[in-house]
Amino acid sequence: MRILIIEDDQKLATLIAHVLRKQQYVVDMAHNGDDGLAVALDGKCDIAIIDWMLPKRDGPSICRAIRAAKLPIAVLLLTGRGQVEDRVAGLDSGADDYLTKPFAFEELLARVRALSRRFMKNEGEDHNELRCGELVLDVISHSARLGTIALDLTSTEWNLLEFLMRHHGQALTRVQILDHVWSYDHDVQPTMVDLYVSYVRRKLGDDHASMLQTVRGVGYRLVA
């Protein structure tokens, strides 16, 4: 899961990024409205945390631009404005949720998790697809593609990639992967995970193999 933070208070933005990265999210930052919107319109983030008051372009106008572009980005709007009419204006601009400053990081994480669940549910219900950047798995046809190029995956490779995509952005241990992909075979060793990760990387190609990251001492993580 990739999260974009658009916040002109660089100290606060850095703190939020630190908290999110500890939870294994991939984080990008921008510190004014124009730069933030440009990053959002790249379409690489899943969630955008946007401050209301920003230099060059405010949060609600960024929300409206994201919605006009029809990007499937969940938006959490941050603001010091706590009046009902302000919350209504923020939500009407296209934000999915609203958090008033000052806030506890525990609440921020809870709202991010809620948006993440909603995002993944909507993706599955609307498209029957799993997406991570240019990588797409069609769970109905059991097919995969990278951009416009079809990937020829074995059943095991597909199951491995599906599990990683359903938890993209999260570090998964070899045991977790082993239990999910090879649950029927108790004789399979954790080294089998490493072998099949190498197979999948080869099929992603040199330009995209880095999507499947090794997390030292843990296992693997898929990122856009």
Protein backbone atom coordinates (compact mmCIF):
# COMPACT_ATOMS: atom_id res chain seq x y z
CA MET A 1 0.00 0.00 0.00
CA ARG A 2 1.51 3.33 -1.11
CA ILE A 3 0.59 6.50 0.78
CA LEU A 4 1.16 10.09 -0.31
CA ILE A 5 1.46 12.79 2.39
CA ILE A 6 0.82 16.37 1.24
CA GLU A 7 1.66 18.55 4.23
CA ASP A 8 3.57 21.86 4.33
CA ASP A 9 4.61 21.37 7.96
CA GLN A 10 7.71 19.34 7.15
CA LYS A 11 8.27 18.23 10.74
CA LEU A 12 4.73 16.85 11.00
CA ALA A 13 4.98 15.25 7.55
CA THR A 14 8.21 13.52 8.57
CA LEU A 15 6.64 12.24 11.79
CA ILE A 16 3.61 10.87 9.94
CA ALA A 17 5.87 9.22 7.37
CA HIS A 18 7.96 7.63 10.13
CA VAL A 19 4.86 6.19 11.82
CA LEU A 20 3.49 4.83 8.54
CA ARG A 21 6.79 3.30 7.45
CA LYS A 22 7.03 1.45 10.77
CA GLN A 23 3.76 -0.20 9.72
CA GLN A 24 5.39 -1.26 6.43
CA TYR A 25 3.61 1.30 4.23
CA VAL A 26 5.47 2.86 1.30
CA VAL A 27 5.39 6.65 1.75
CA ASP A 28 5.91 9.64 -0.58
CA MET A 29 5.80 13.29 0.55
CA ALA A 30 5.12 16.69 -0.99
CA HIS A 31 5.08 20.03 0.81
CA ASN A 32 2.89 22.23 -1.38
CA GLY A 33 -0.35 21.75 -3.23
CA ASP A 34 0.98 21.89 -6.79
CA ASP A 35 3.74 19.33 -6.17
CA GLY A 36 1.35 17.12 -4.21
CA LEU A 37 -1.26 17.11 -6.97
CA ALA A 38 1.40 16.28 -9.58
CA VAL A 39 2.48 13.24 -7.55
CA ALA A 40 -1.13 12.17 -6.97
CA LEU A 41 -1.97 12.40 -10.68
CA ASP A 42 0.83 9.93 -11.42
CA GLY A 43 -1.69 7.39 -10.10
CA LYS A 44 0.88 5.43 -8.07
CA CYS A 45 -0.53 6.05 -4.58
CA ASP A 46 -3.44 4.20 -2.98
CA ILE A 47 -4.13 6.69 -0.17
CA ALA A 48 -3.45 10.42 0.03
CA ILE A 49 -3.22 12.22 3.38
CA ILE A 50 -3.76 15.89 2.51
CA ASP A 51 -3.60 18.99 4.67
CA TRP A 52 -6.36 21.54 4.06
CA MET A 53 -4.18 24.69 4.18
CA LEU A 54 -1.27 24.37 1.74
CA PRO A 55 0.87 26.76 -0.30
CA LYS A 56 -0.11 27.16 -3.99
CA ARG A 57 -3.19 24.89 -3.87
CA ASP A 58 -5.39 23.91 -0.92
CA GLY A 59 -6.47 20.41 0.09
CA PRO A 60 -10.08 20.55 -1.15
CA SER A 61 -8.96 21.67 -4.63
CA ILE A 62 -6.54 18.72 -4.74
CA CYS A 63 -9.42 16.40 -3.77
CA ARG A 64 -11.57 17.79 -6.56
CA ALA A 65 -8.77 17.34 -9.10
CA ILE A 66 -8.20 13.73 -8.01
CA ARG A 67 -11.91 12.97 -8.37
CA ALA A 68 -12.09 14.72 -11.74
CA ALA A 69 -9.25 12.49 -12.93
CA LYS A 70 -11.26 9.45 -11.71
CA LEU A 71 -8.26 8.04 -9.85
CA PRO A 72 -9.00 5.25 -7.32
CA ILE A 73 -7.23 7.07 -4.48
CA ALA A 74 -8.67 7.15 -0.96
CA VAL A 75 -8.26 10.63 0.57
CA LEU A 76 -7.88 11.55 4.24
CA LEU A 77 -8.11 15.31 4.76
CA LEU A 78 -6.25 16.88 7.70
CA THR A 79 -7.30 20.25 9.07
CA GLY A 80 -7.45 22.46 12.12
CA ARG A 81 -11.00 23.39 11.17
CA GLY A 82 -13.43 21.56 13.41
CA GLN A 83 -16.78 23.13 12.55
CA VAL A 84 -19.51 20.98 11.02
CA GLU A 85 -19.69 23.14 7.89
CA ASP A 86 -15.94 22.72 7.36
CA ARG A 87 -16.18 18.94 7.65
CA VAL A 88 -19.08 18.94 5.18
CA ALA A 89 -17.11 21.14 2.74
CA GLY A 90 -14.10 18.83 2.99
CA LEU A 91 -16.14 15.69 2.36
CA ASP A 92 -18.06 17.34 -0.46
CA SER A 93 -14.76 18.19 -2.17
CA GLY A 94 -14.12 14.47 -2.56
CA ALA A 95 -12.36 13.44 0.65
CA ASP A 96 -13.24 9.99 2.01
CA ASP A 97 -12.46 10.86 5.62
CA TYR A 98 -11.58 13.86 7.76
CA LEU A 99 -9.23 14.19 10.73
CA THR A 100 -8.98 17.31 12.89
CA LYS A 101 -5.62 18.53 14.20
CA PRO A 102 -4.18 17.86 16.69
CA PHE A 103 -4.68 14.12 16.41
CA ALA A 104 -3.24 10.95 17.93
CA PHE A 105 -1.13 8.84 15.60
CA GLU A 106 -3.09 5.78 16.75
CA GLU A 107 -6.26 7.34 15.33
CA LEU A 108 -4.48 8.28 12.11
CA LEU A 109 -3.34 4.67 11.66
CA ALA A 110 -6.83 3.37 12.40
CA ARG A 111 -8.30 5.64 9.74
CA VAL A 112 -5.63 4.61 7.24
CA ARG A 113 -6.42 0.94 7.91
CA ALA A 114 -10.13 1.61 7.41
CA LEU A 115 -9.47 3.39 4.12
CA SER A 116 -7.17 0.56 3.06
CA ARG A 117 -9.87 -2.05 3.72
CA ARG A 118 -12.43 0.00 1.83
CA PHE A 119 -10.05 0.55 -1.09
CA MET A 120 -9.18 -3.14 -1.43
CA LYS A 121 -12.84 -4.17 -1.11
CA ASN A 122 -13.96 -1.73 -3.78
CA GLU A 123 -11.18 -2.78 -6.12
CA GLY A 124 -12.22 -6.40 -5.82
CA GLU A 125 -15.96 -5.78 -6.10
CA ASP A 126 -15.78 -3.39 -9.03
CA HIS A 127 -13.12 -5.02 -11.17
CA ASN A 128 -12.45 -8.53 -9.88
CA GLU A 129 -8.82 -7.49 -10.13
CA LEU A 130 -5.85 -7.03 -7.85
CA ARG A 131 -3.54 -4.16 -8.75
CA CYS A 132 -0.09 -3.06 -7.69
CA GLY A 133 1.29 -0.39 -9.98
CA GLU A 134 1.27 -1.79 -13.52
CA LEU A 135 0.86 -5.35 -12.26
CA VAL A 136 -2.70 -6.71 -12.51
CA LEU A 137 -4.13 -10.08 -11.52
CA ASP A 138 -7.58 -11.02 -12.77
CA VAL A 139 -9.02 -13.33 -10.11
CA ILE A 140 -11.83 -14.48 -12.41
CA SER A 141 -9.78 -15.54 -15.42
CA HIS A 142 -6.77 -16.46 -13.26
CA SER A 143 -4.54 -14.39 -15.55
CA ALA A 144 -1.84 -11.81 -14.96
CA ARG A 145 -0.44 -8.89 -16.91
CA LEU A 146 2.23 -6.25 -16.48
CA GLY A 147 0.97 -3.17 -18.26
CA THR A 148 -0.27 -4.59 -21.56
CA ILE A 149 2.02 -7.65 -21.48
CA ALA A 150 0.53 -10.98 -20.38
CA LEU A 151 2.54 -12.98 -17.85
CA ASP A 152 2.79 -16.74 -18.28
CA LEU A 153 2.65 -17.97 -14.66
CA THR A 154 2.44 -21.47 -13.26
CA SER A 155 -0.29 -22.18 -10.72
CA THR A 156 2.18 -21.87 -7.82
CA GLU A 157 3.66 -18.63 -9.16
CA TRP A 158 0.17 -17.20 -9.54
CA ASN A 159 -0.80 -18.17 -5.98
CA LEU A 160 2.40 -16.64 -4.63
CA LEU A 161 1.85 -13.40 -6.51
CA GLU A 162 -1.81 -13.27 -5.50
CA PHE A 163 -0.90 -13.57 -1.81
CA LEU A 164 1.73 -10.85 -2.09
CA MET A 165 -0.66 -8.56 -3.97
CA ARG A 166 -3.44 -9.00 -1.44
CA HIS A 167 -0.94 -7.73 1.15
CA HIS A 168 1.08 -5.37 -1.04
CA GLY A 169 3.21 -2.95 0.92
CA GLN A 170 3.39 -5.37 3.85
CA ALA A 171 6.39 -7.47 4.80
CA LEU A 172 5.41 -11.15 4.80
CA THR A 173 7.51 -13.86 6.41
CA ARG A 174 8.57 -16.98 4.55
CA VAL A 175 6.45 -19.02 6.95
CA GLN A 176 3.35 -16.93 6.18
CA ILE A 177 3.92 -17.36 2.45
CA LEU A 178 4.67 -21.06 2.84
CA ASP A 179 1.51 -21.67 4.86
CA HIS A 180 -0.66 -19.92 2.29
CA VAL A 181 0.85 -21.15 -0.98
CA TRP A 182 1.94 -24.66 0.02
CA SER A 183 -0.49 -25.39 2.85
CA TYR A 184 -1.29 -28.83 1.41
CA ASP A 185 2.34 -30.01 1.56
CA HIS A 186 3.98 -30.05 4.97
CA ASP A 187 7.24 -31.39 3.55
CA VAL A 188 8.01 -28.19 1.62
CA GLN A 189 10.87 -26.18 3.12
CA PRO A 190 11.01 -22.35 3.47
CA THR A 191 13.76 -22.28 0.83
CA MET A 192 11.05 -23.12 -1.71
CA VAL A 193 9.68 -19.61 -1.16
CA ASP A 194 13.04 -18.10 -2.16
CA LEU A 195 13.13 -20.27 -5.27
CA TYR A 196 9.66 -19.25 -6.44
CA VAL A 197 10.30 -15.60 -5.66
CA SER A 198 13.26 -15.82 -8.04
CA TYR A 199 10.98 -17.39 -10.68
CA VAL A 200 8.42 -14.58 -10.33
CA ARG A 201 11.11 -11.89 -10.46
CA ARG A 202 12.43 -13.39 -13.68
CA LYS A 203 8.97 -13.21 -15.24
CA LEU A 204 8.49 -9.62 -14.09
CA GLY A 205 11.64 -8.77 -16.03
CA ASP A 206 14.64 -6.61 -15.20
CA ASP A 207 12.63 -3.36 -15.18
CA HIS A 208 10.08 -4.62 -12.63
CA ALA A 209 11.82 -7.33 -10.61
CA SER A 210 12.56 -4.77 -7.89
CA MET A 211 8.81 -4.63 -7.12
CA LEU A 212 9.31 -7.86 -5.19
CA GLN A 213 11.60 -6.70 -2.40
CA THR A 214 13.61 -8.82 0.02
CA VAL A 215 13.03 -7.66 3.61
CA ARG A 216 16.17 -8.72 5.43
CA GLY A 217 15.50 -10.97 8.39
CA VAL A 218 11.78 -11.16 7.58
CA GLY A 219 10.80 -12.28 4.09
CA TYR A 220 9.37 -10.45 1.11
CA ARG A 221 7.26 -7.43 0.23
CA LEU A 222 5.57 -6.40 -3.03
CA VAL A 223 5.49 -2.66 -3.79
CA ALA A 224 4.36 -0.58 -6.74
